Amino acid sequence: MDFLPEAINQYVENNSEKEPQLLNELNHETWEKVLNPRMLSGHFQGRVLSMFSHMIQPENILEIGTYTGYSALCLAEGLQKRGSIHTIDINEELTSLVKKYIAKANLSAVIHCYTGNALDIIPSLNQKFDIVFIDADKTNYSNYYNLVFDKVRQGGYIIADNVLWSGKVITPEENRDDDTKALVEYSKMVMKDKRVQPLLLPIRDGLMIARKL
């Protein structure tokens, strides 16, 4: 969901870093071949994730919700030389597409893909993460946050996508579906957590950023 007029969105893209060619190819292939292509981060949000990664210069990143790998490739742009990304998705049908573009980017040794339930996989990861990017099933956002929190280094970031949920988060409570309710509760939980500095950015469908104190 984009909240700005299309002309403004286009102006923003025109005045931001150009979408890298490989990501442009993945963008187009996702829209041509994959179900629900609007789940893709896309040009502008991808450049935002790349900028965050360059600013933080992470050693380890955890992504919950790979989809077609676009956001993982964006986040990889700011990794330290020996850095790594661990990305989890439950949909094995997308694995070959994801790995194809990871290989095209020469990042097969850097981006590690896991297929399965993130709630089962996360406890098996022993790394300390500088960035955790949550972009998976909305009803488990709070569970993911609680599972990863101790795995995030002090000063690290937990970033959750879609927290505005096409504006549904401000609809009357009785009209909210389960995903909307879960996202509202997630934002409330982060806001109440004294262990983090929270910031909700109205970028695309909303990014909730929590910096671990």
C-alpha atoms as a PDB file:
ATOM      1  CA  MET A   1       0.000   0.000   0.000  1.00  0.00           C
ATOM      2  CA  ASP A   2       1.278   3.447  -0.935  1.00  0.00           C
ATOM      3  CA  PHE A   3      -0.258   6.394   0.908  1.00  0.00           C
ATOM      4  CA  LEU A   4       1.199   9.113  -1.314  1.00  0.00           C
ATOM      5  CA  PRO A   5      -0.169  10.094  -4.744  1.00  0.00           C
ATOM      6  CA  GLU A   6       1.413   8.175  -7.609  1.00  0.00           C
ATOM      7  CA  ALA A   7       3.013  11.348  -8.981  1.00  0.00           C
ATOM      8  CA  ILE A   8       4.751  11.950  -5.641  1.00  0.00           C
ATOM      9  CA  ASN A   9       5.895   8.335  -5.454  1.00  0.00           C
ATOM     10  CA  GLN A  10       7.380   8.680  -8.925  1.00  0.00           C
ATOM     11  CA  TYR A  11       9.100  11.941  -7.949  1.00  0.00           C
ATOM     12  CA  VAL A  12      10.591  10.200  -4.899  1.00  0.00           C
ATOM     13  CA  GLU A  13      11.921   7.345  -7.035  1.00  0.00           C
ATOM     14  CA  ASN A  14      13.297   9.782  -9.612  1.00  0.00           C
ATOM     15  CA  ASN A  15      15.220  11.568  -6.880  1.00  0.00           C
ATOM     16  CA  SER A  16      16.553   8.450  -5.189  1.00  0.00           C
ATOM     17  CA  GLU A  17      19.282   6.013  -6.184  1.00  0.00           C
ATOM     18  CA  LYS A  18      18.364   4.092  -9.319  1.00  0.00           C
ATOM     19  CA  GLU A  19      17.202   0.526  -8.829  1.00  0.00           C
ATOM     20  CA  PRO A  20      20.192  -1.764  -9.541  1.00  0.00           C
ATOM     21  CA  GLN A  21      19.835  -3.775 -12.742  1.00  0.00           C
ATOM     22  CA  LEU A  22      19.738  -7.191 -11.065  1.00  0.00           C
ATOM     23  CA  LEU A  23      17.061  -6.059  -8.635  1.00  0.00           C
ATOM     24  CA  ASN A  24      15.102  -4.561 -11.513  1.00  0.00           C
ATOM     25  CA  GLU A  25      15.193  -7.970 -13.216  1.00  0.00           C
ATOM     26  CA  LEU A  26      14.009  -9.695 -10.033  1.00  0.00           C
ATOM     27  CA  ASN A  27      11.297  -7.079  -9.610  1.00  0.00           C
ATOM     28  CA  HIS A  28       9.959  -7.750 -13.095  1.00  0.00           C
ATOM     29  CA  GLU A  29      10.196 -11.540 -12.806  1.00  0.00           C
ATOM     30  CA  THR A  30       8.340 -11.446  -9.500  1.00  0.00           C
ATOM     31  CA  TRP A  31       5.518  -9.415 -11.031  1.00  0.00           C
ATOM     32  CA  GLU A  32       5.371 -11.714 -14.061  1.00  0.00           C
ATOM     33  CA  LYS A  33       5.528 -15.121 -12.368  1.00  0.00           C
ATOM     34  CA  VAL A  34       4.815 -15.008  -8.630  1.00  0.00           C
ATOM     35  CA  LEU A  35       1.587 -14.845  -6.649  1.00  0.00           C
ATOM     36  CA  ASN A  36       0.954 -11.616  -4.701  1.00  0.00           C
ATOM     37  CA  PRO A  37       3.810  -9.571  -6.242  1.00  0.00           C
ATOM     38  CA  ARG A  38       2.848  -6.536  -4.140  1.00  0.00           C
ATOM     39  CA  MET A  39       4.622  -8.315  -1.280  1.00  0.00           C
ATOM     40  CA  LEU A  40       7.885  -7.296  -2.964  1.00  0.00           C
ATOM     41  CA  SER A  41       9.703  -4.415  -1.259  1.00  0.00           C
ATOM     42  CA  GLY A  42      10.200  -2.636  -4.580  1.00  0.00           C
ATOM     43  CA  HIS A  43      12.495   0.135  -5.754  1.00  0.00           C
ATOM     44  CA  PHE A  44      12.062   2.844  -3.097  1.00  0.00           C
ATOM     45  CA  GLN A  45      11.725   0.655  -0.016  1.00  0.00           C
ATOM     46  CA  GLY A  46      14.595  -1.444  -1.306  1.00  0.00           C
ATOM     47  CA  ARG A  47      16.793   1.659  -1.465  1.00  0.00           C
ATOM     48  CA  VAL A  48      15.694   2.532   2.081  1.00  0.00           C
ATOM     49  CA  LEU A  49      16.767  -0.919   3.308  1.00  0.00           C
ATOM     50  CA  SER A  50      20.057  -0.579   1.452  1.00  0.00           C
ATOM     51  CA  MET A  51      20.642   2.829   3.051  1.00  0.00           C
ATOM     52  CA  PHE A  52      19.873   1.446   6.523  1.00  0.00           C
ATOM     53  CA  SER A  53      22.330  -1.375   5.936  1.00  0.00           C
ATOM     54  CA  HIS A  54      25.067   0.977   4.749  1.00  0.00           C
ATOM     55  CA  MET A  55      24.504   3.198   7.789  1.00  0.00           C
ATOM     56  CA  ILE A  56      24.607   0.306  10.262  1.00  0.00           C
ATOM     57  CA  GLN A  57      27.286  -1.749   8.443  1.00  0.00           C
ATOM     58  CA  PRO A  58      26.004  -5.013   9.925  1.00  0.00           C
ATOM     59  CA  GLU A  59      27.975  -8.192  10.381  1.00  0.00           C
ATOM     60  CA  ASN A  60      24.916 -10.437  10.684  1.00  0.00           C
ATOM     61  CA  ILE A  61      21.345  -9.935   9.479  1.00  0.00           C
ATOM     62  CA  LEU A  62      18.297 -12.108  10.098  1.00  0.00           C
ATOM     63  CA  GLU A  63      15.356 -11.832   7.722  1.00  0.00           C
ATOM     64  CA  ILE A  64      12.032 -13.468   8.538  1.00  0.00           C
ATOM     65  CA  GLY A  65      10.128 -13.696   5.262  1.00  0.00           C
ATOM     66  CA  THR A  66      12.355 -14.077   2.197  1.00  0.00           C
ATOM     67  CA  TYR A  67       9.632 -14.011  -0.464  1.00  0.00           C
ATOM     68  CA  THR A  68      11.631 -13.749  -3.747  1.00  0.00           C
ATOM     69  CA  GLY A  69      14.813 -12.431  -2.107  1.00  0.00           C
ATOM     70  CA  TYR A  70      14.585  -8.766  -3.117  1.00  0.00           C
ATOM     71  CA  SER A  71      14.917  -7.321   0.380  1.00  0.00           C
ATOM     72  CA  ALA A  72      17.735  -9.720   1.287  1.00  0.00           C
ATOM     73  CA  LEU A  73      19.733  -8.526  -1.710  1.00  0.00           C
ATOM     74  CA  CYS A  74      19.104  -4.903  -0.712  1.00  0.00           C
ATOM     75  CA  LEU A  75      20.206  -5.507   2.868  1.00  0.00           C
ATOM     76  CA  ALA A  76      23.317  -7.344   1.659  1.00  0.00           C
ATOM     77  CA  GLU A  77      24.606  -4.157   0.040  1.00  0.00           C
ATOM     78  CA  GLY A  78      25.786  -2.716   3.364  1.00  0.00           C
ATOM     79  CA  LEU A  79      27.184  -5.877   4.940  1.00  0.00           C
ATOM     80  CA  GLN A  80      30.686  -5.986   6.349  1.00  0.00           C
ATOM     81  CA  LYS A  81      33.157  -7.964   4.209  1.00  0.00           C
ATOM     82  CA  ARG A  82      32.714 -11.149   6.230  1.00  0.00           C
ATOM     83  CA  GLY A  83      29.061 -10.506   6.969  1.00  0.00           C
ATOM     84  CA  SER A  84      26.158 -12.877   6.446  1.00  0.00           C
ATOM     85  CA  ILE A  85      22.401 -12.890   6.042  1.00  0.00           C
ATOM     86  CA  HIS A  86      20.167 -15.670   7.337  1.00  0.00           C
ATOM     87  CA  THR A  87      16.779 -15.552   5.637  1.00  0.00           C
ATOM     88  CA  ILE A  88      13.770 -17.746   6.401  1.00  0.00           C
ATOM     89  CA  ASP A  89      10.641 -18.484   4.376  1.00  0.00           C
ATOM     90  CA  ILE A  90       7.999 -21.164   4.664  1.00  0.00           C
ATOM     91  CA  ASN A  91       7.297 -21.314   0.903  1.00  0.00           C
ATOM     92  CA  GLU A  92       9.637 -23.834  -0.708  1.00  0.00           C
ATOM     93  CA  GLU A  93       8.182 -23.111  -4.160  1.00  0.00           C
ATOM     94  CA  LEU A  94      10.126 -19.834  -4.263  1.00  0.00           C
ATOM     95  CA  THR A  95      13.481 -21.307  -3.225  1.00  0.00           C
ATOM     96  CA  SER A  96      14.818 -21.883  -6.741  1.00  0.00           C
ATOM     97  CA  LEU A  97      13.992 -18.316  -7.814  1.00  0.00           C
ATOM     98  CA  VAL A  98      15.576 -16.881  -4.667  1.00  0.00           C
ATOM     99  CA  LYS A  99      18.753 -18.908  -5.070  1.00  0.00           C
ATOM    100  CA  LYS A 100      18.979 -18.028  -8.777  1.00  0.00           C
ATOM    101  CA  TYR A 101      19.201 -14.318  -8.010  1.00  0.00           C
ATOM    102  CA  ILE A 102      21.471 -14.822  -5.014  1.00  0.00           C
ATOM    103  CA  ALA A 103      23.845 -16.690  -7.327  1.00  0.00           C
ATOM    104  CA  LYS A 104      23.581 -13.944  -9.977  1.00  0.00           C
ATOM    105  CA  ALA A 105      24.632 -11.465  -7.285  1.00  0.00           C
ATOM    106  CA  ASN A 106      27.588 -13.698  -6.322  1.00  0.00           C
ATOM    107  CA  LEU A 107      26.234 -13.908  -2.780  1.00  0.00           C
ATOM    108  CA  SER A 108      25.667 -17.653  -2.403  1.00  0.00           C
ATOM    109  CA  ALA A 109      28.313 -17.815   0.327  1.00  0.00           C
ATOM    110  CA  VAL A 110      26.829 -14.797   2.109  1.00  0.00           C
ATOM    111  CA  ILE A 111      23.047 -15.283   2.072  1.00  0.00           C
ATOM    112  CA  HIS A 112      21.921 -18.475   3.802  1.00  0.00           C
ATOM    113  CA  CYS A 113      18.374 -19.605   3.041  1.00  0.00           C
ATOM    114  CA  TYR A 114      16.192 -21.638   5.379  1.00  0.00           C
ATOM    115  CA  THR A 115      12.873 -23.181   4.371  1.00  0.00           C
ATOM    116  CA  GLY A 116      10.348 -23.892   7.097  1.00  0.00           C
ATOM    117  CA  ASN A 117       8.557 -22.390  10.053  1.00  0.00           C
ATOM    118  CA  ALA A 118      10.541 -19.456  11.417  1.00  0.00           C
ATOM    119  CA  LEU A 119       9.264 -20.169  14.931  1.00  0.00           C
ATOM    120  CA  ASP A 120      11.118 -23.494  14.772  1.00  0.00           C
ATOM    121  CA  ILE A 121      14.217 -22.239  12.949  1.00  0.00           C
ATOM    122  CA  ILE A 122      15.008 -19.071  14.924  1.00  0.00           C
ATOM    123  CA  PRO A 123      15.900 -20.893  18.184  1.00  0.00           C
ATOM    124  CA  SER A 124      18.544 -22.906  16.296  1.00  0.00           C
ATOM    125  CA  LEU A 125      20.432 -19.779  15.158  1.00  0.00           C
ATOM    126  CA  ASN A 126      23.346 -18.880  17.416  1.00  0.00           C
ATOM    127  CA  GLN A 127      24.506 -15.612  15.833  1.00  0.00           C
ATOM    128  CA  LYS A 128      24.146 -12.139  17.322  1.00  0.00           C
ATOM    129  CA  PHE A 129      22.317  -9.995  14.776  1.00  0.00           C
ATOM    130  CA  ASP A 130      22.781  -6.317  13.970  1.00  0.00           C
ATOM    131  CA  ILE A 131      19.534  -6.151  11.974  1.00  0.00           C
ATOM    132  CA  VAL A 132      16.429  -8.314  12.112  1.00  0.00           C
ATOM    133  CA  PHE A 133      13.919  -7.650   9.335  1.00  0.00           C
ATOM    134  CA  ILE A 134      10.431  -9.058   9.958  1.00  0.00           C
ATOM    135  CA  ASP A 135       8.206  -9.364   6.889  1.00  0.00           C
ATOM    136  CA  ALA A 136       6.246 -12.590   7.284  1.00  0.00           C
ATOM    137  CA  ASP A 137       2.871 -13.751   8.650  1.00  0.00           C
ATOM    138  CA  LYS A 138       1.447 -10.832  10.594  1.00  0.00           C
ATOM    139  CA  THR A 139      -0.175 -12.834  13.384  1.00  0.00           C
ATOM    140  CA  ASN A 140       3.267 -13.988  14.530  1.00  0.00           C
ATOM    141  CA  TYR A 141       5.051 -10.616  14.521  1.00  0.00           C
ATOM    142  CA  SER A 142       5.013 -10.396  18.322  1.00  0.00           C
ATOM    143  CA  ASN A 143       6.225 -13.986  18.616  1.00  0.00           C
ATOM    144  CA  TYR A 144       9.091 -13.285  16.219  1.00  0.00           C
ATOM    145  CA  TYR A 145      10.042 -10.149  18.151  1.00  0.00           C
ATOM    146  CA  ASN A 146      10.183 -12.032  21.431  1.00  0.00           C
ATOM    147  CA  LEU A 147      12.113 -14.927  19.897  1.00  0.00           C
ATOM    148  CA  VAL A 148      14.802 -12.765  18.303  1.00  0.00           C
ATOM    149  CA  PHE A 149      15.203 -10.111  20.980  1.00  0.00           C
ATOM    150  CA  ASP A 150      18.011 -11.801  22.912  1.00  0.00           C
ATOM    151  CA  LYS A 151      19.751 -12.581  19.611  1.00  0.00           C
ATOM    152  CA  VAL A 152      19.996  -8.873  18.724  1.00  0.00           C
ATOM    153  CA  ARG A 153      23.143  -7.107  19.880  1.00  0.00           C
ATOM    154  CA  GLN A 154      22.915  -3.966  21.992  1.00  0.00           C
ATOM    155  CA  GLY A 155      22.458  -1.091  19.553  1.00  0.00           C
ATOM    156  CA  GLY A 156      21.005  -3.456  16.956  1.00  0.00           C
ATOM    157  CA  TYR A 157      17.716  -2.992  15.112  1.00  0.00           C
ATOM    158  CA  ILE A 158      14.481  -4.910  14.691  1.00  0.00           C
ATOM    159  CA  ILE A 159      12.612  -3.629  11.630  1.00  0.00           C
ATOM    160  CA  ALA A 160       9.046  -4.784  10.938  1.00  0.00           C
ATOM    161  CA  ASP A 161       7.323  -4.189   7.606  1.00  0.00           C
ATOM    162  CA  ASN A 162       3.622  -3.566   6.845  1.00  0.00           C
ATOM    163  CA  VAL A 163       2.791  -2.109  10.262  1.00  0.00           C
ATOM    164  CA  LEU A 164       0.309   0.352   8.711  1.00  0.00           C
ATOM    165  CA  TRP A 165      -1.394  -2.480   6.800  1.00  0.00           C
ATOM    166  CA  SER A 166      -2.994  -0.364   4.087  1.00  0.00           C
ATOM    167  CA  GLY A 167      -4.359   1.968   6.762  1.00  0.00           C
ATOM    168  CA  LYS A 168      -6.461  -0.773   8.379  1.00  0.00           C
ATOM    169  CA  VAL A 169      -4.688  -0.220  11.715  1.00  0.00           C
ATOM    170  CA  ILE A 170      -6.763   2.924  12.319  1.00  0.00           C
ATOM    171  CA  THR A 171     -10.129   1.354  11.514  1.00  0.00           C
ATOM    172  CA  PRO A 172     -12.599   0.757  14.381  1.00  0.00           C
ATOM    173  CA  GLU A 173     -11.508  -2.203  16.494  1.00  0.00           C
ATOM    174  CA  GLU A 174     -14.654  -4.202  15.747  1.00  0.00           C
ATOM    175  CA  ASN A 175     -13.870  -4.037  12.006  1.00  0.00           C
ATOM    176  CA  ARG A 176     -10.291  -5.325  12.230  1.00  0.00           C
ATOM    177  CA  ASP A 177      -9.325  -8.741  10.901  1.00  0.00           C
ATOM    178  CA  ASP A 178      -6.790 -10.968  12.670  1.00  0.00           C
ATOM    179  CA  ASP A 179      -3.788  -9.584  10.770  1.00  0.00           C
ATOM    180  CA  THR A 180      -4.768  -6.002  11.553  1.00  0.00           C
ATOM    181  CA  LYS A 181      -5.305  -6.794  15.233  1.00  0.00           C
ATOM    182  CA  ALA A 182      -1.911  -8.501  15.387  1.00  0.00           C
ATOM    183  CA  LEU A 183      -0.142  -5.528  13.817  1.00  0.00           C
ATOM    184  CA  VAL A 184      -1.823  -3.055  16.166  1.00  0.00           C
ATOM    185  CA  GLU A 185      -0.785  -5.204  19.129  1.00  0.00           C
ATOM    186  CA  TYR A 186       2.746  -5.462  17.759  1.00  0.00           C
ATOM    187  CA  SER A 187       3.173  -1.696  17.573  1.00  0.00           C
ATOM    188  CA  LYS A 188       1.701  -1.302  21.066  1.00  0.00           C
ATOM    189  CA  MET A 189       4.099  -3.925  22.409  1.00  0.00           C
ATOM    190  CA  VAL A 190       7.141  -2.241  20.871  1.00  0.00           C
ATOM    191  CA  MET A 191       6.031   1.161  22.155  1.00  0.00           C
ATOM    192  CA  LYS A 192       5.722  -0.221  25.702  1.00  0.00           C
ATOM    193  CA  ASP A 193       9.076  -2.031  25.601  1.00  0.00           C
ATOM    194  CA  LYS A 194      11.504   0.093  27.612  1.00  0.00           C
ATOM    195  CA  ARG A 195      14.411  -1.931  26.203  1.00  0.00           C
ATOM    196  CA  VAL A 196      14.111  -0.272  22.783  1.00  0.00           C
ATOM    197  CA  GLN A 197      13.855   3.108  21.070  1.00  0.00           C
ATOM    198  CA  PRO A 198      10.841   2.857  18.710  1.00  0.00           C
ATOM    199  CA  LEU A 199      10.176   4.764  15.494  1.00  0.00           C
ATOM    200  CA  LEU A 200       7.361   4.152  13.018  1.00  0.00           C
ATOM    201  CA  LEU A 201       8.170   5.431   9.542  1.00  0.00           C
ATOM    202  CA  PRO A 202       5.293   5.885   7.040  1.00  0.00           C
ATOM    203  CA  ILE A 203       7.389   4.400   4.238  1.00  0.00           C
ATOM    204  CA  ARG A 204       5.264   2.407   1.802  1.00  0.00           C
ATOM    205  CA  ASP A 205       3.116   0.208   4.096  1.00  0.00           C
ATOM    206  CA  GLY A 206       4.890   1.278   7.288  1.00  0.00           C
ATOM    207  CA  LEU A 207       8.208   0.307   8.887  1.00  0.00           C
ATOM    208  CA  MET A 208       8.405  -0.028  12.666  1.00  0.00           C
ATOM    209  CA  ILE A 209      12.025   0.326  13.756  1.00  0.00           C
ATOM    210  CA  ALA A 210      13.116  -0.680  17.248  1.00  0.00           C
ATOM    211  CA  ARG A 211      16.699   0.048  18.325  1.00  0.00           C
ATOM    212  CA  LYS A 212      17.836  -2.144  21.202  1.00  0.00           C
ATOM    213  CA  LEU A 213      19.170  -0.007  24.043  1.00  0.00           C
END
